[in-house]
Amino acid sequence: LKAGKLGEYDVAVPGDYMVQILSDEGVLDSFTPDELPNFGNIDPAWLDVSFDPGRHSSIPYQWGSTSFSVNRDAYTGPLDSWSLIFDAPDELKGKINVLDTAGETLTAASMYLGIPQCTSDRDQLKALNDLVMTAKADWASFGSDVAKDVLVSGDAAAGMIWSGFSAKARSEGAPVEYAFPAEGVIVWMDNVVLLKDAPNRANALLFMNFLLEPENAAAVTNYALYSAGVSGVAEFLDPEVANSPESNPPAGVKTAFVEACPEDVQVLYDAIWTNLKK
């Protein structure tokens, strides 16, 4: 968009923290609730979000969590800690796939260490770097788009994964269980945003309003196996989707969004990630 495509697209589908970044970059248009008759269908839990308070530039699309899933034929122990990824038991060493996304992987590692995101503390950053560099020896691969496939094929016995991908892996016969570790899981939301200078602004708003219709939001959930940020979808959900363990976390599970770090801090995390991927 910044390279000259602004004015060619009407909408985009960014993740939560990216909405804030796009807003700060000045590439989003705003709208009023009156322009979206279904605006009132937005689940109140997803209305006053930190990345777009009051929802002036975005609407919810799908949300889920990021954790890890384990092949229960390969490992029968507890799934209560990120240690299975960052301090792997013998049964899983060399059989772990990690998401190829810096934000989620380093946030999960920070959760395991109990350190804040976007820290600039040198000791904490060193601990983070040391952890992932040591853990890497037990990992088989980095892969996001293939996170489901490697569990289904058996190429990995455990792996970081998005909740919907885990549900799809189970539906395809993989004997996997999705974990809700004590340190917490990452929560994310994909959103539809209205872009500045949208050539078809009126139609873009019609499309966004269409997505806020409960039956339409449920259709997306039934296909993607993630959750909708729209009220009234329950009656339209397939039973196996509504009862999916990935979408029904235990009470009290800790959650956190990936935070957008200040630029001077992000450089430090980029260095850790670059070092890890060498």
C-alpha atoms as a PDB file:
ATOM      1  CA  LEU A   1       0.000   0.000   0.000  1.00  0.00           C
ATOM      2  CA  LYS A   2       2.766   2.419   0.935  1.00  0.00           C
ATOM      3  CA  ALA A   3       4.617   1.543  -2.266  1.00  0.00           C
ATOM      4  CA  GLY A   4       1.861   3.051  -4.384  1.00  0.00           C
ATOM      5  CA  LYS A   5      -1.069   0.648  -4.258  1.00  0.00           C
ATOM      6  CA  LEU A   6      -3.180   2.851  -1.977  1.00  0.00           C
ATOM      7  CA  GLY A   7      -6.271   3.751  -3.945  1.00  0.00           C
ATOM      8  CA  GLU A   8      -6.341   0.420  -5.788  1.00  0.00           C
ATOM      9  CA  TYR A   9      -7.812  -1.714  -2.995  1.00  0.00           C
ATOM     10  CA  ASP A  10     -10.990  -1.275  -0.966  1.00  0.00           C
ATOM     11  CA  VAL A  11     -10.375  -3.540   2.031  1.00  0.00           C
ATOM     12  CA  ALA A  12      -7.626  -5.597   3.622  1.00  0.00           C
ATOM     13  CA  VAL A  13      -7.569  -8.324   6.284  1.00  0.00           C
ATOM     14  CA  PRO A  14      -4.814  -7.572   8.824  1.00  0.00           C
ATOM     15  CA  GLY A  15      -4.177  -9.107  12.205  1.00  0.00           C
ATOM     16  CA  ASP A  16      -4.854  -7.213  15.400  1.00  0.00           C
ATOM     17  CA  TYR A  17      -1.553  -5.405  15.997  1.00  0.00           C
ATOM     18  CA  MET A  18      -1.241  -4.665  12.271  1.00  0.00           C
ATOM     19  CA  VAL A  19      -4.499  -2.681  12.378  1.00  0.00           C
ATOM     20  CA  GLN A  20      -2.822  -0.292  14.789  1.00  0.00           C
ATOM     21  CA  ILE A  21       0.289  -0.085  12.612  1.00  0.00           C
ATOM     22  CA  LEU A  22      -1.762   0.598   9.469  1.00  0.00           C
ATOM     23  CA  SER A  23      -3.706   3.266  11.328  1.00  0.00           C
ATOM     24  CA  ASP A  24      -0.503   4.912  12.520  1.00  0.00           C
ATOM     25  CA  GLU A  25       0.787   4.816   8.931  1.00  0.00           C
ATOM     26  CA  GLY A  26      -2.314   6.698   7.768  1.00  0.00           C
ATOM     27  CA  VAL A  27      -3.580   4.132   5.264  1.00  0.00           C
ATOM     28  CA  LEU A  28      -6.982   3.438   6.863  1.00  0.00           C
ATOM     29  CA  ASP A  29     -10.269   5.221   6.310  1.00  0.00           C
ATOM     30  CA  SER A  30     -12.835   5.527   9.076  1.00  0.00           C
ATOM     31  CA  PHE A  31     -16.555   4.888   9.108  1.00  0.00           C
ATOM     32  CA  THR A  32     -19.442   5.553  11.465  1.00  0.00           C
ATOM     33  CA  PRO A  33     -21.792   2.921  12.917  1.00  0.00           C
ATOM     34  CA  ASP A  34     -24.580   4.436  10.823  1.00  0.00           C
ATOM     35  CA  GLU A  35     -22.752   3.303   7.681  1.00  0.00           C
ATOM     36  CA  LEU A  36     -22.919  -0.337   8.810  1.00  0.00           C
ATOM     37  CA  PRO A  37     -26.485  -1.365   9.740  1.00  0.00           C
ATOM     38  CA  ASN A  38     -25.103  -4.570  11.299  1.00  0.00           C
ATOM     39  CA  PHE A  39     -22.533  -2.728  13.407  1.00  0.00           C
ATOM     40  CA  GLY A  40     -24.580  -3.615  16.491  1.00  0.00           C
ATOM     41  CA  ASN A  41     -23.906  -7.306  15.826  1.00  0.00           C
ATOM     42  CA  ILE A  42     -20.264  -6.946  16.826  1.00  0.00           C
ATOM     43  CA  ASP A  43     -19.695  -8.968  19.981  1.00  0.00           C
ATOM     44  CA  PRO A  44     -19.205  -6.437  22.817  1.00  0.00           C
ATOM     45  CA  ALA A  45     -16.012  -8.273  23.796  1.00  0.00           C
ATOM     46  CA  TRP A  46     -14.521  -7.305  20.427  1.00  0.00           C
ATOM     47  CA  LEU A  47     -15.857  -3.762  20.171  1.00  0.00           C
ATOM     48  CA  ASP A  48     -13.572  -1.610  22.300  1.00  0.00           C
ATOM     49  CA  VAL A  49     -10.306  -3.263  21.317  1.00  0.00           C
ATOM     50  CA  SER A  50      -6.907  -1.756  22.000  1.00  0.00           C
ATOM     51  CA  PHE A  51      -5.883  -1.738  18.339  1.00  0.00           C
ATOM     52  CA  ASP A  52      -9.044   0.113  17.190  1.00  0.00           C
ATOM     53  CA  PRO A  53     -10.980   1.450  20.191  1.00  0.00           C
ATOM     54  CA  GLY A  54     -14.657   1.695  19.325  1.00  0.00           C
ATOM     55  CA  ARG A  55     -14.125   0.128  15.894  1.00  0.00           C
ATOM     56  CA  HIS A  56     -13.802   3.170  13.646  1.00  0.00           C
ATOM     57  CA  SER A  57     -11.697   1.562  10.896  1.00  0.00           C
ATOM     58  CA  SER A  58     -12.114  -2.201  11.296  1.00  0.00           C
ATOM     59  CA  ILE A  59     -14.620  -4.958  11.959  1.00  0.00           C
ATOM     60  CA  PRO A  60     -13.992  -8.421  13.433  1.00  0.00           C
ATOM     61  CA  TYR A  61     -13.498 -11.241  10.953  1.00  0.00           C
ATOM     62  CA  GLN A  62     -12.226 -14.373  12.738  1.00  0.00           C
ATOM     63  CA  TRP A  63     -10.314 -14.913  15.941  1.00  0.00           C
ATOM     64  CA  GLY A  64      -8.524 -17.779  17.576  1.00  0.00           C
ATOM     65  CA  SER A  65      -5.519 -18.722  19.630  1.00  0.00           C
ATOM     66  CA  THR A  66      -1.975 -19.864  19.017  1.00  0.00           C
ATOM     67  CA  SER A  67      -0.569 -22.670  21.126  1.00  0.00           C
ATOM     68  CA  PHE A  68       0.789 -26.105  20.258  1.00  0.00           C
ATOM     69  CA  SER A  69      -0.666 -29.499  19.433  1.00  0.00           C
ATOM     70  CA  VAL A  70       0.874 -32.873  20.193  1.00  0.00           C
ATOM     71  CA  ASN A  71       0.418 -36.286  18.611  1.00  0.00           C
ATOM     72  CA  ARG A  72      -0.890 -38.349  21.525  1.00  0.00           C
ATOM     73  CA  ASP A  73       0.451 -41.565  19.996  1.00  0.00           C
ATOM     74  CA  ALA A  74       3.955 -40.108  20.243  1.00  0.00           C
ATOM     75  CA  TYR A  75       3.698 -38.405  23.636  1.00  0.00           C
ATOM     76  CA  THR A  76       1.276 -39.196  26.453  1.00  0.00           C
ATOM     77  CA  GLY A  77       2.536 -36.813  29.129  1.00  0.00           C
ATOM     78  CA  PRO A  78       0.954 -33.563  30.327  1.00  0.00           C
ATOM     79  CA  LEU A  79       0.455 -30.637  27.958  1.00  0.00           C
ATOM     80  CA  ASP A  80       0.485 -27.982  30.643  1.00  0.00           C
ATOM     81  CA  SER A  81       3.583 -25.993  29.714  1.00  0.00           C
ATOM     82  CA  TRP A  82       5.378 -24.384  26.801  1.00  0.00           C
ATOM     83  CA  SER A  83       8.325 -26.483  27.952  1.00  0.00           C
ATOM     84  CA  LEU A  84       7.214 -29.085  25.395  1.00  0.00           C
ATOM     85  CA  ILE A  85       8.346 -26.650  22.703  1.00  0.00           C
ATOM     86  CA  PHE A  86      11.213 -24.836  24.422  1.00  0.00           C
ATOM     87  CA  ASP A  87      12.629 -27.642  26.596  1.00  0.00           C
ATOM     88  CA  ALA A  88      11.376 -30.674  24.723  1.00  0.00           C
ATOM     89  CA  PRO A  89      11.024 -34.123  26.308  1.00  0.00           C
ATOM     90  CA  ASP A  90      12.977 -36.931  24.678  1.00  0.00           C
ATOM     91  CA  GLU A  91       9.895 -38.271  22.889  1.00  0.00           C
ATOM     92  CA  LEU A  92       9.515 -35.036  20.930  1.00  0.00           C
ATOM     93  CA  LYS A  93      13.112 -34.019  20.259  1.00  0.00           C
ATOM     94  CA  GLY A  94      13.717 -33.538  16.560  1.00  0.00           C
ATOM     95  CA  LYS A  95       9.995 -33.831  15.833  1.00  0.00           C
ATOM     96  CA  ILE A  96       8.757 -30.289  16.497  1.00  0.00           C
ATOM     97  CA  ASN A  97       7.527 -27.717  13.978  1.00  0.00           C
ATOM     98  CA  VAL A  98       7.613 -24.062  15.014  1.00  0.00           C
ATOM     99  CA  LEU A  99       5.626 -21.276  13.382  1.00  0.00           C
ATOM    100  CA  ASP A 100       7.730 -19.208  11.015  1.00  0.00           C
ATOM    101  CA  THR A 101       6.479 -15.968  12.541  1.00  0.00           C
ATOM    102  CA  ALA A 102       8.687 -13.909  14.817  1.00  0.00           C
ATOM    103  CA  GLY A 103       5.871 -12.265  16.745  1.00  0.00           C
ATOM    104  CA  GLU A 104       4.116 -15.444  17.824  1.00  0.00           C
ATOM    105  CA  THR A 105       7.187 -17.610  18.383  1.00  0.00           C
ATOM    106  CA  LEU A 106       9.054 -15.020  20.447  1.00  0.00           C
ATOM    107  CA  THR A 107       5.888 -14.132  22.365  1.00  0.00           C
ATOM    108  CA  ALA A 108       5.379 -17.802  23.247  1.00  0.00           C
ATOM    109  CA  ALA A 109       9.003 -18.009  24.389  1.00  0.00           C
ATOM    110  CA  SER A 110       8.525 -14.868  26.482  1.00  0.00           C
ATOM    111  CA  MET A 111       5.440 -16.408  28.075  1.00  0.00           C
ATOM    112  CA  TYR A 112       7.475 -19.484  28.983  1.00  0.00           C
ATOM    113  CA  LEU A 113      10.197 -17.344  30.554  1.00  0.00           C
ATOM    114  CA  GLY A 114       7.705 -15.086  32.309  1.00  0.00           C
ATOM    115  CA  ILE A 115       9.140 -11.909  30.799  1.00  0.00           C
ATOM    116  CA  PRO A 116       7.119  -9.073  29.261  1.00  0.00           C
ATOM    117  CA  GLN A 117       6.722  -8.558  25.560  1.00  0.00           C
ATOM    118  CA  CYS A 118       8.630  -5.674  24.002  1.00  0.00           C
ATOM    119  CA  THR A 119      11.157  -5.630  26.811  1.00  0.00           C
ATOM    120  CA  SER A 120      14.327  -3.621  26.347  1.00  0.00           C
ATOM    121  CA  ASP A 121      16.007  -5.199  29.373  1.00  0.00           C
ATOM    122  CA  ARG A 122      19.277  -6.654  28.109  1.00  0.00           C
ATOM    123  CA  ASP A 123      19.294  -9.548  30.573  1.00  0.00           C
ATOM    124  CA  GLN A 124      15.769 -10.547  29.578  1.00  0.00           C
ATOM    125  CA  LEU A 125      16.590 -10.290  25.888  1.00  0.00           C
ATOM    126  CA  LYS A 126      19.695 -12.419  26.397  1.00  0.00           C
ATOM    127  CA  ALA A 127      17.616 -15.031  28.219  1.00  0.00           C
ATOM    128  CA  LEU A 128      15.120 -15.007  25.346  1.00  0.00           C
ATOM    129  CA  ASN A 129      17.844 -15.395  22.743  1.00  0.00           C
ATOM    130  CA  ASP A 130      19.566 -18.170  24.701  1.00  0.00           C
ATOM    131  CA  LEU A 131      16.282 -20.043  25.159  1.00  0.00           C
ATOM    132  CA  VAL A 132      15.284 -20.148  21.507  1.00  0.00           C
ATOM    133  CA  MET A 133      18.809 -20.865  20.286  1.00  0.00           C
ATOM    134  CA  THR A 134      19.064 -23.852  22.637  1.00  0.00           C
ATOM    135  CA  ALA A 135      15.541 -25.065  21.853  1.00  0.00           C
ATOM    136  CA  LYS A 136      16.207 -24.880  18.115  1.00  0.00           C
ATOM    137  CA  ALA A 137      18.376 -27.997  18.372  1.00  0.00           C
ATOM    138  CA  ASP A 138      15.209 -29.996  19.162  1.00  0.00           C
ATOM    139  CA  TRP A 139      13.119 -28.530  16.349  1.00  0.00           C
ATOM    140  CA  ALA A 140      12.645 -30.226  12.997  1.00  0.00           C
ATOM    141  CA  SER A 141      11.296 -27.296  11.017  1.00  0.00           C
ATOM    142  CA  PHE A 142       9.937 -23.784  10.809  1.00  0.00           C
ATOM    143  CA  GLY A 143       6.619 -23.592   8.979  1.00  0.00           C
ATOM    144  CA  SER A 144       3.340 -21.711   9.273  1.00  0.00           C
ATOM    145  CA  ASP A 145       1.283 -22.698   6.239  1.00  0.00           C
ATOM    146  CA  VAL A 146       2.334 -26.348   6.739  1.00  0.00           C
ATOM    147  CA  ALA A 147       1.696 -26.429  10.501  1.00  0.00           C
ATOM    148  CA  LYS A 148      -1.363 -28.638  10.027  1.00  0.00           C
ATOM    149  CA  ASP A 149       0.050 -30.772   7.242  1.00  0.00           C
ATOM    150  CA  VAL A 150       3.165 -31.904   9.113  1.00  0.00           C
ATOM    151  CA  LEU A 151       1.019 -33.129  12.006  1.00  0.00           C
ATOM    152  CA  VAL A 152      -1.339 -34.976   9.675  1.00  0.00           C
ATOM    153  CA  SER A 153       1.507 -36.583   7.725  1.00  0.00           C
ATOM    154  CA  GLY A 154       3.458 -37.484  10.848  1.00  0.00           C
ATOM    155  CA  ASP A 155       6.480 -35.436   9.802  1.00  0.00           C
ATOM    156  CA  ALA A 156       6.094 -33.662  13.144  1.00  0.00           C
ATOM    157  CA  ALA A 157       4.889 -35.093  16.446  1.00  0.00           C
ATOM    158  CA  ALA A 158       4.296 -31.664  17.967  1.00  0.00           C
ATOM    159  CA  GLY A 159       4.121 -28.128  16.759  1.00  0.00           C
ATOM    160  CA  MET A 160       3.065 -24.583  17.353  1.00  0.00           C
ATOM    161  CA  ILE A 161      -0.234 -24.118  15.595  1.00  0.00           C
ATOM    162  CA  TRP A 162      -3.298 -21.939  15.268  1.00  0.00           C
ATOM    163  CA  SER A 163      -6.454 -23.275  16.887  1.00  0.00           C
ATOM    164  CA  GLY A 164      -8.350 -23.730  13.624  1.00  0.00           C
ATOM    165  CA  PHE A 165      -5.440 -25.561  12.021  1.00  0.00           C
ATOM    166  CA  SER A 166      -5.368 -27.936  14.983  1.00  0.00           C
ATOM    167  CA  ALA A 167      -9.086 -28.608  14.591  1.00  0.00           C
ATOM    168  CA  LYS A 168      -8.580 -29.280  10.885  1.00  0.00           C
ATOM    169  CA  ALA A 169      -5.708 -31.672  11.676  1.00  0.00           C
ATOM    170  CA  ARG A 170      -8.024 -33.648  13.966  1.00  0.00           C
ATOM    171  CA  SER A 171     -10.745 -33.673  11.321  1.00  0.00           C
ATOM    172  CA  GLU A 172      -8.209 -35.171   8.902  1.00  0.00           C
ATOM    173  CA  GLY A 173      -7.390 -37.992  11.288  1.00  0.00           C
ATOM    174  CA  ALA A 174      -4.341 -36.760  13.170  1.00  0.00           C
ATOM    175  CA  PRO A 175      -4.417 -37.993  16.811  1.00  0.00           C
ATOM    176  CA  VAL A 176      -3.505 -34.567  18.156  1.00  0.00           C
ATOM    177  CA  GLU A 177      -4.513 -32.648  21.247  1.00  0.00           C
ATOM    178  CA  TYR A 178      -4.402 -28.858  21.484  1.00  0.00           C
ATOM    179  CA  ALA A 179      -2.690 -27.478  24.571  1.00  0.00           C
ATOM    180  CA  PHE A 180      -3.660 -24.677  26.919  1.00  0.00           C
ATOM    181  CA  PRO A 181      -0.381 -24.280  28.840  1.00  0.00           C
ATOM    182  CA  ALA A 182      -0.259 -22.689  32.266  1.00  0.00           C
ATOM    183  CA  GLU A 183       1.893 -19.835  30.981  1.00  0.00           C
ATOM    184  CA  GLY A 184      -0.889 -18.848  28.590  1.00  0.00           C
ATOM    185  CA  VAL A 185      -1.808 -18.876  24.916  1.00  0.00           C
ATOM    186  CA  ILE A 186      -1.607 -16.170  22.298  1.00  0.00           C
ATOM    187  CA  VAL A 187      -4.934 -14.724  21.193  1.00  0.00           C
ATOM    188  CA  TRP A 188      -5.302 -13.011  17.845  1.00  0.00           C
ATOM    189  CA  MET A 189      -8.011 -11.546  15.682  1.00  0.00           C
ATOM    190  CA  ASP A 190      -8.098 -11.048  11.935  1.00  0.00           C
ATOM    191  CA  ASN A 191     -10.046  -7.951  10.967  1.00  0.00           C
ATOM    192  CA  VAL A 192     -11.439  -6.360   7.833  1.00  0.00           C
ATOM    193  CA  VAL A 193     -10.325  -2.753   7.441  1.00  0.00           C
ATOM    194  CA  LEU A 194     -11.547  -0.003   5.158  1.00  0.00           C
ATOM    195  CA  LEU A 195      -8.619   1.439   3.229  1.00  0.00           C
ATOM    196  CA  LYS A 196      -8.039   5.110   2.580  1.00  0.00           C
ATOM    197  CA  ASP A 197      -9.019   6.230  -0.931  1.00  0.00           C
ATOM    198  CA  ALA A 198     -10.936   2.984  -1.544  1.00  0.00           C
ATOM    199  CA  PRO A 199     -12.155   3.181  -5.167  1.00  0.00           C
ATOM    200  CA  ASN A 200     -15.396   1.369  -4.266  1.00  0.00           C
ATOM    201  CA  ARG A 201     -16.025   2.657  -0.763  1.00  0.00           C
ATOM    202  CA  ALA A 202     -19.792   2.119  -0.795  1.00  0.00           C
ATOM    203  CA  ASN A 203     -19.443  -1.482  -1.952  1.00  0.00           C
ATOM    204  CA  ALA A 204     -16.673  -2.067   0.573  1.00  0.00           C
ATOM    205  CA  LEU A 205     -19.041  -1.042   3.347  1.00  0.00           C
ATOM    206  CA  LEU A 206     -21.750  -3.317   1.932  1.00  0.00           C
ATOM    207  CA  PHE A 207     -19.275  -6.205   2.012  1.00  0.00           C
ATOM    208  CA  MET A 208     -18.217  -5.427   5.588  1.00  0.00           C
ATOM    209  CA  ASN A 209     -21.859  -5.210   6.623  1.00  0.00           C
ATOM    210  CA  PHE A 210     -22.495  -8.592   4.945  1.00  0.00           C
ATOM    211  CA  LEU A 211     -19.746 -10.157   7.064  1.00  0.00           C
ATOM    212  CA  LEU A 212     -21.420  -8.849  10.226  1.00  0.00           C
ATOM    213  CA  GLU A 213     -24.596 -10.830   9.508  1.00  0.00           C
ATOM    214  CA  PRO A 214     -24.574 -13.741  12.016  1.00  0.00           C
ATOM    215  CA  GLU A 215     -25.423 -16.409   9.440  1.00  0.00           C
ATOM    216  CA  ASN A 216     -22.610 -15.232   7.173  1.00  0.00           C
ATOM    217  CA  ALA A 217     -20.101 -15.009  10.014  1.00  0.00           C
ATOM    218  CA  ALA A 218     -21.063 -18.535  11.067  1.00  0.00           C
ATOM    219  CA  ALA A 219     -20.509 -19.813   7.525  1.00  0.00           C
ATOM    220  CA  VAL A 220     -16.927 -18.555   7.691  1.00  0.00           C
ATOM    221  CA  THR A 221     -16.457 -20.203  11.092  1.00  0.00           C
ATOM    222  CA  ASN A 222     -17.888 -23.518   9.879  1.00  0.00           C
ATOM    223  CA  TYR A 223     -15.340 -23.497   7.064  1.00  0.00           C
ATOM    224  CA  ALA A 224     -12.252 -22.039   8.758  1.00  0.00           C
ATOM    225  CA  LEU A 225     -12.903 -23.530  12.246  1.00  0.00           C
ATOM    226  CA  TYR A 226     -12.006 -20.286  13.991  1.00  0.00           C
ATOM    227  CA  SER A 227     -14.402 -18.134  16.020  1.00  0.00           C
ATOM    228  CA  ALA A 228     -16.449 -15.151  14.903  1.00  0.00           C
ATOM    229  CA  GLY A 229     -16.448 -11.805  16.657  1.00  0.00           C
ATOM    230  CA  VAL A 230     -20.149 -11.452  15.941  1.00  0.00           C
ATOM    231  CA  SER A 231     -23.077 -12.037  18.271  1.00  0.00           C
ATOM    232  CA  GLY A 232     -25.835 -14.456  17.338  1.00  0.00           C
ATOM    233  CA  VAL A 233     -23.757 -17.004  15.418  1.00  0.00           C
ATOM    234  CA  ALA A 234     -24.334 -19.957  17.771  1.00  0.00           C
ATOM    235  CA  GLU A 235     -27.561 -21.165  16.141  1.00  0.00           C
ATOM    236  CA  PHE A 236     -25.833 -21.389  12.756  1.00  0.00           C
ATOM    237  CA  LEU A 237     -22.725 -23.309  13.839  1.00  0.00           C
ATOM    238  CA  ASP A 238     -22.165 -26.967  13.018  1.00  0.00           C
ATOM    239  CA  PRO A 239     -22.214 -28.974  16.294  1.00  0.00           C
ATOM    240  CA  GLU A 240     -18.665 -30.281  15.860  1.00  0.00           C
ATOM    241  CA  VAL A 241     -17.459 -26.715  15.359  1.00  0.00           C
ATOM    242  CA  ALA A 242     -19.356 -25.354  18.344  1.00  0.00           C
ATOM    243  CA  ASN A 243     -17.980 -28.136  20.546  1.00  0.00           C
ATOM    244  CA  SER A 244     -14.412 -28.071  19.250  1.00  0.00           C
ATOM    245  CA  PRO A 245     -11.923 -28.300  22.156  1.00  0.00           C
ATOM    246  CA  GLU A 246      -9.746 -25.700  20.445  1.00  0.00           C
ATOM    247  CA  SER A 247     -12.592 -23.184  20.651  1.00  0.00           C
ATOM    248  CA  ASN A 248     -13.592 -24.038  24.218  1.00  0.00           C
ATOM    249  CA  PRO A 249     -10.600 -23.318  26.459  1.00  0.00           C
ATOM    250  CA  PRO A 250     -10.686 -24.249  30.131  1.00  0.00           C
ATOM    251  CA  ALA A 251     -11.752 -21.587  32.595  1.00  0.00           C
ATOM    252  CA  GLY A 252      -8.998 -19.280  33.725  1.00  0.00           C
ATOM    253  CA  VAL A 253      -6.622 -19.830  30.815  1.00  0.00           C
ATOM    254  CA  LYS A 254      -4.196 -16.935  30.436  1.00  0.00           C
ATOM    255  CA  THR A 255      -4.221 -15.067  27.131  1.00  0.00           C
ATOM    256  CA  ALA A 256      -2.245 -12.284  25.487  1.00  0.00           C
ATOM    257  CA  PHE A 257      -2.186 -10.532  22.148  1.00  0.00           C
ATOM    258  CA  VAL A 258       1.114 -10.088  20.332  1.00  0.00           C
ATOM    259  CA  GLU A 259       2.108  -6.502  21.053  1.00  0.00           C
ATOM    260  CA  ALA A 260       3.383  -4.001  18.509  1.00  0.00           C
ATOM    261  CA  CYS A 261       6.773  -2.948  19.890  1.00  0.00           C
ATOM    262  CA  PRO A 262       8.259   0.537  19.538  1.00  0.00           C
ATOM    263  CA  GLU A 263      10.619   0.693  16.580  1.00  0.00           C
ATOM    264  CA  ASP A 264      13.761   0.917  18.704  1.00  0.00           C
ATOM    265  CA  VAL A 265      12.719  -2.211  20.618  1.00  0.00           C
ATOM    266  CA  GLN A 266      11.505  -4.092  17.549  1.00  0.00           C
ATOM    267  CA  VAL A 267      15.020  -3.874  16.131  1.00  0.00           C
ATOM    268  CA  LEU A 268      16.241  -5.950  19.087  1.00  0.00           C
ATOM    269  CA  TYR A 269      13.621  -8.651  18.503  1.00  0.00           C
ATOM    270  CA  ASP A 270      14.376  -8.661  14.783  1.00  0.00           C
ATOM    271  CA  ALA A 271      18.017  -9.359  15.624  1.00  0.00           C
ATOM    272  CA  ILE A 272      17.050 -12.330  17.816  1.00  0.00           C
ATOM    273  CA  TRP A 273      14.824 -13.724  15.065  1.00  0.00           C
ATOM    274  CA  THR A 274      17.454 -13.237  12.371  1.00  0.00           C
ATOM    275  CA  ASN A 275      20.002 -14.990  14.567  1.00  0.00           C
ATOM    276  CA  LEU A 276      17.570 -17.852  15.185  1.00  0.00           C
ATOM    277  CA  LYS A 277      16.816 -18.342  11.481  1.00  0.00           C
ATOM    278  CA  LYS A 278      20.470 -18.521  10.377  1.00  0.00           C
END
